[in-house]
Amino acid sequence: MRSPVPPADRRYAGANDPRMERRMLAALIWTITAGTVALLAAAAIAAPRSALLFADKSPSALPVDVELVLAVDVSYSMVSPRATSCRRYAAASMARSR
């Protein structure tokens, strides 16, 4: 007579299965991301429209479509000094180009 319980190597591992843990983590991250996007979209729709704000407050300021802020990480948190110098060189050359 065959046993109704499968052998240990074919049995469902449940929460101890690394594949199941990865799937659950991916589902959790996706759910949190989707919820955050939905919340931000709802907040953007519900937010009252404010007057135009310009960085340049002088009377001779020209109106523009976009005021762009470029933020660059200048900390030493990069993995290697070579990657850090490569990123800084790229940012500097981007700022110099037209």
C-alpha atoms as a PDB file:
ATOM      1  CA  MET A   1       0.000   0.000   0.000  1.00  0.00           C
ATOM      2  CA  ARG A   2       1.307   3.420  -0.949  1.00  0.00           C
ATOM      3  CA  SER A   3       1.648   6.106   1.665  1.00  0.00           C
ATOM      4  CA  PRO A   4      -0.407   9.291   1.018  1.00  0.00           C
ATOM      5  CA  VAL A   5       2.566  11.423   2.144  1.00  0.00           C
ATOM      6  CA  PRO A   6       5.145  12.019  -0.615  1.00  0.00           C
ATOM      7  CA  PRO A   7       8.809  11.443   0.127  1.00  0.00           C
ATOM      8  CA  ALA A   8      10.706  14.231   1.861  1.00  0.00           C
ATOM      9  CA  ASP A   9      12.509  15.334  -1.297  1.00  0.00           C
ATOM     10  CA  ARG A  10       9.198  15.790  -3.186  1.00  0.00           C
ATOM     11  CA  ARG A  11       7.234  17.307  -0.325  1.00  0.00           C
ATOM     12  CA  TYR A  12       6.229  20.981  -0.448  1.00  0.00           C
ATOM     13  CA  ALA A  13       8.758  22.927   1.595  1.00  0.00           C
ATOM     14  CA  GLY A  14       6.395  25.814   2.410  1.00  0.00           C
ATOM     15  CA  ALA A  15       7.819  28.912   4.066  1.00  0.00           C
ATOM     16  CA  ASN A  16      11.299  27.368   4.269  1.00  0.00           C
ATOM     17  CA  ASP A  17      11.549  27.156   0.474  1.00  0.00           C
ATOM     18  CA  PRO A  18      13.895  29.912  -0.799  1.00  0.00           C
ATOM     19  CA  ARG A  19      11.947  30.185  -4.062  1.00  0.00           C
ATOM     20  CA  MET A  20       8.732  30.800  -2.164  1.00  0.00           C
ATOM     21  CA  GLU A  21      10.435  33.413   0.002  1.00  0.00           C
ATOM     22  CA  ARG A  22      11.688  35.256  -3.115  1.00  0.00           C
ATOM     23  CA  ARG A  23       8.235  35.166  -4.680  1.00  0.00           C
ATOM     24  CA  MET A  24       6.602  36.461  -1.524  1.00  0.00           C
ATOM     25  CA  LEU A  25       9.196  39.229  -1.208  1.00  0.00           C
ATOM     26  CA  ALA A  26       8.734  40.210  -4.865  1.00  0.00           C
ATOM     27  CA  ALA A  27       4.951  40.281  -4.413  1.00  0.00           C
ATOM     28  CA  LEU A  28       5.297  42.405  -1.282  1.00  0.00           C
ATOM     29  CA  ILE A  29       7.641  44.876  -2.984  1.00  0.00           C
ATOM     30  CA  TRP A  30       5.358  45.094  -6.021  1.00  0.00           C
ATOM     31  CA  THR A  31       2.301  45.685  -3.812  1.00  0.00           C
ATOM     32  CA  ILE A  32       4.034  48.416  -1.809  1.00  0.00           C
ATOM     33  CA  THR A  33       5.296  50.082  -5.002  1.00  0.00           C
ATOM     34  CA  ALA A  34       1.882  49.980  -6.670  1.00  0.00           C
ATOM     35  CA  GLY A  35       0.243  51.346  -3.530  1.00  0.00           C
ATOM     36  CA  THR A  36       2.761  54.165  -3.283  1.00  0.00           C
ATOM     37  CA  VAL A  37       2.266  55.116  -6.923  1.00  0.00           C
ATOM     38  CA  ALA A  38      -1.510  55.093  -6.505  1.00  0.00           C
ATOM     39  CA  LEU A  39      -1.280  57.200  -3.356  1.00  0.00           C
ATOM     40  CA  LEU A  40       1.024  59.736  -5.007  1.00  0.00           C
ATOM     41  CA  ALA A  41      -1.230  59.932  -8.058  1.00  0.00           C
ATOM     42  CA  ALA A  42      -4.266  60.534  -5.854  1.00  0.00           C
ATOM     43  CA  ALA A  43      -2.390  63.198  -3.887  1.00  0.00           C
ATOM     44  CA  ALA A  44      -1.294  64.935  -7.094  1.00  0.00           C
ATOM     45  CA  ILE A  45      -4.860  65.024  -8.388  1.00  0.00           C
ATOM     46  CA  ALA A  46      -6.300  66.212  -5.087  1.00  0.00           C
ATOM     47  CA  ALA A  47      -3.619  68.818  -4.393  1.00  0.00           C
ATOM     48  CA  PRO A  48      -4.697  72.402  -4.926  1.00  0.00           C
ATOM     49  CA  ARG A  49      -2.901  74.222  -7.703  1.00  0.00           C
ATOM     50  CA  SER A  50      -0.527  76.822  -6.373  1.00  0.00           C
ATOM     51  CA  ALA A  51       0.763  79.916  -8.095  1.00  0.00           C
ATOM     52  CA  LEU A  52       3.814  79.537 -10.290  1.00  0.00           C
ATOM     53  CA  LEU A  53       7.010  79.546  -8.275  1.00  0.00           C
ATOM     54  CA  PHE A  54      10.276  80.517  -9.879  1.00  0.00           C
ATOM     55  CA  ALA A  55      13.783  80.049  -8.555  1.00  0.00           C
ATOM     56  CA  ASP A  56      14.735  83.486  -9.860  1.00  0.00           C
ATOM     57  CA  LYS A  57      12.618  86.125  -8.095  1.00  0.00           C
ATOM     58  CA  SER A  58      14.033  89.142  -9.911  1.00  0.00           C
ATOM     59  CA  PRO A  59      11.696  91.240 -12.084  1.00  0.00           C
ATOM     60  CA  SER A  60      13.801  90.503 -15.161  1.00  0.00           C
ATOM     61  CA  ALA A  61      13.425  86.722 -14.773  1.00  0.00           C
ATOM     62  CA  LEU A  62      12.439  84.868 -17.913  1.00  0.00           C
ATOM     63  CA  PRO A  63       9.615  82.324 -17.704  1.00  0.00           C
ATOM     64  CA  VAL A  64      10.736  78.813 -18.617  1.00  0.00           C
ATOM     65  CA  ASP A  65       8.968  75.501 -19.098  1.00  0.00           C
ATOM     66  CA  VAL A  66      11.166  73.526 -16.717  1.00  0.00           C
ATOM     67  CA  GLU A  67      13.513  74.474 -13.913  1.00  0.00           C
ATOM     68  CA  LEU A  68      15.837  71.514 -13.662  1.00  0.00           C
ATOM     69  CA  VAL A  69      17.879  70.642 -10.582  1.00  0.00           C
ATOM     70  CA  LEU A  70      20.771  68.258 -11.063  1.00  0.00           C
ATOM     71  CA  ALA A  71      21.734  66.517  -7.839  1.00  0.00           C
ATOM     72  CA  VAL A  72      24.998  64.603  -7.775  1.00  0.00           C
ATOM     73  CA  ASP A  73      26.143  62.238  -5.053  1.00  0.00           C
ATOM     74  CA  VAL A  74      29.565  63.510  -4.001  1.00  0.00           C
ATOM     75  CA  SER A  75      29.974  61.198  -1.031  1.00  0.00           C
ATOM     76  CA  TYR A  76      32.491  58.400  -0.952  1.00  0.00           C
ATOM     77  CA  SER A  77      29.826  55.702  -0.826  1.00  0.00           C
ATOM     78  CA  MET A  78      30.675  54.309  -4.278  1.00  0.00           C
ATOM     79  CA  VAL A  79      32.080  50.811  -4.492  1.00  0.00           C
ATOM     80  CA  SER A  80      35.386  51.773  -6.031  1.00  0.00           C
ATOM     81  CA  PRO A  81      37.367  55.001  -6.401  1.00  0.00           C
ATOM     82  CA  ARG A  82      37.478  54.426 -10.165  1.00  0.00           C
ATOM     83  CA  ALA A  83      33.669  54.360 -10.408  1.00  0.00           C
ATOM     84  CA  THR A  84      33.495  57.505  -8.287  1.00  0.00           C
ATOM     85  CA  SER A  85      35.930  59.405 -10.493  1.00  0.00           C
ATOM     86  CA  CYS A  86      34.184  58.150 -13.645  1.00  0.00           C
ATOM     87  CA  ARG A  87      30.816  59.427 -12.417  1.00  0.00           C
ATOM     88  CA  ARG A  88      32.245  62.774 -11.378  1.00  0.00           C
ATOM     89  CA  TYR A  89      33.975  63.183 -14.739  1.00  0.00           C
ATOM     90  CA  ALA A  90      30.715  62.378 -16.551  1.00  0.00           C
ATOM     91  CA  ALA A  91      28.768  64.880 -14.448  1.00  0.00           C
ATOM     92  CA  ALA A  92      31.366  67.584 -15.015  1.00  0.00           C
ATOM     93  CA  SER A  93      31.495  67.012 -18.759  1.00  0.00           C
ATOM     94  CA  MET A  94      27.685  67.021 -18.924  1.00  0.00           C
ATOM     95  CA  ALA A  95      27.594  70.379 -17.146  1.00  0.00           C
ATOM     96  CA  ARG A  96      30.153  71.841 -19.552  1.00  0.00           C
ATOM     97  CA  SER A  97      28.462  70.618 -22.747  1.00  0.00           C
ATOM     98  CA  ARG A  98      25.683  72.498 -24.489  1.00  0.00           C
END
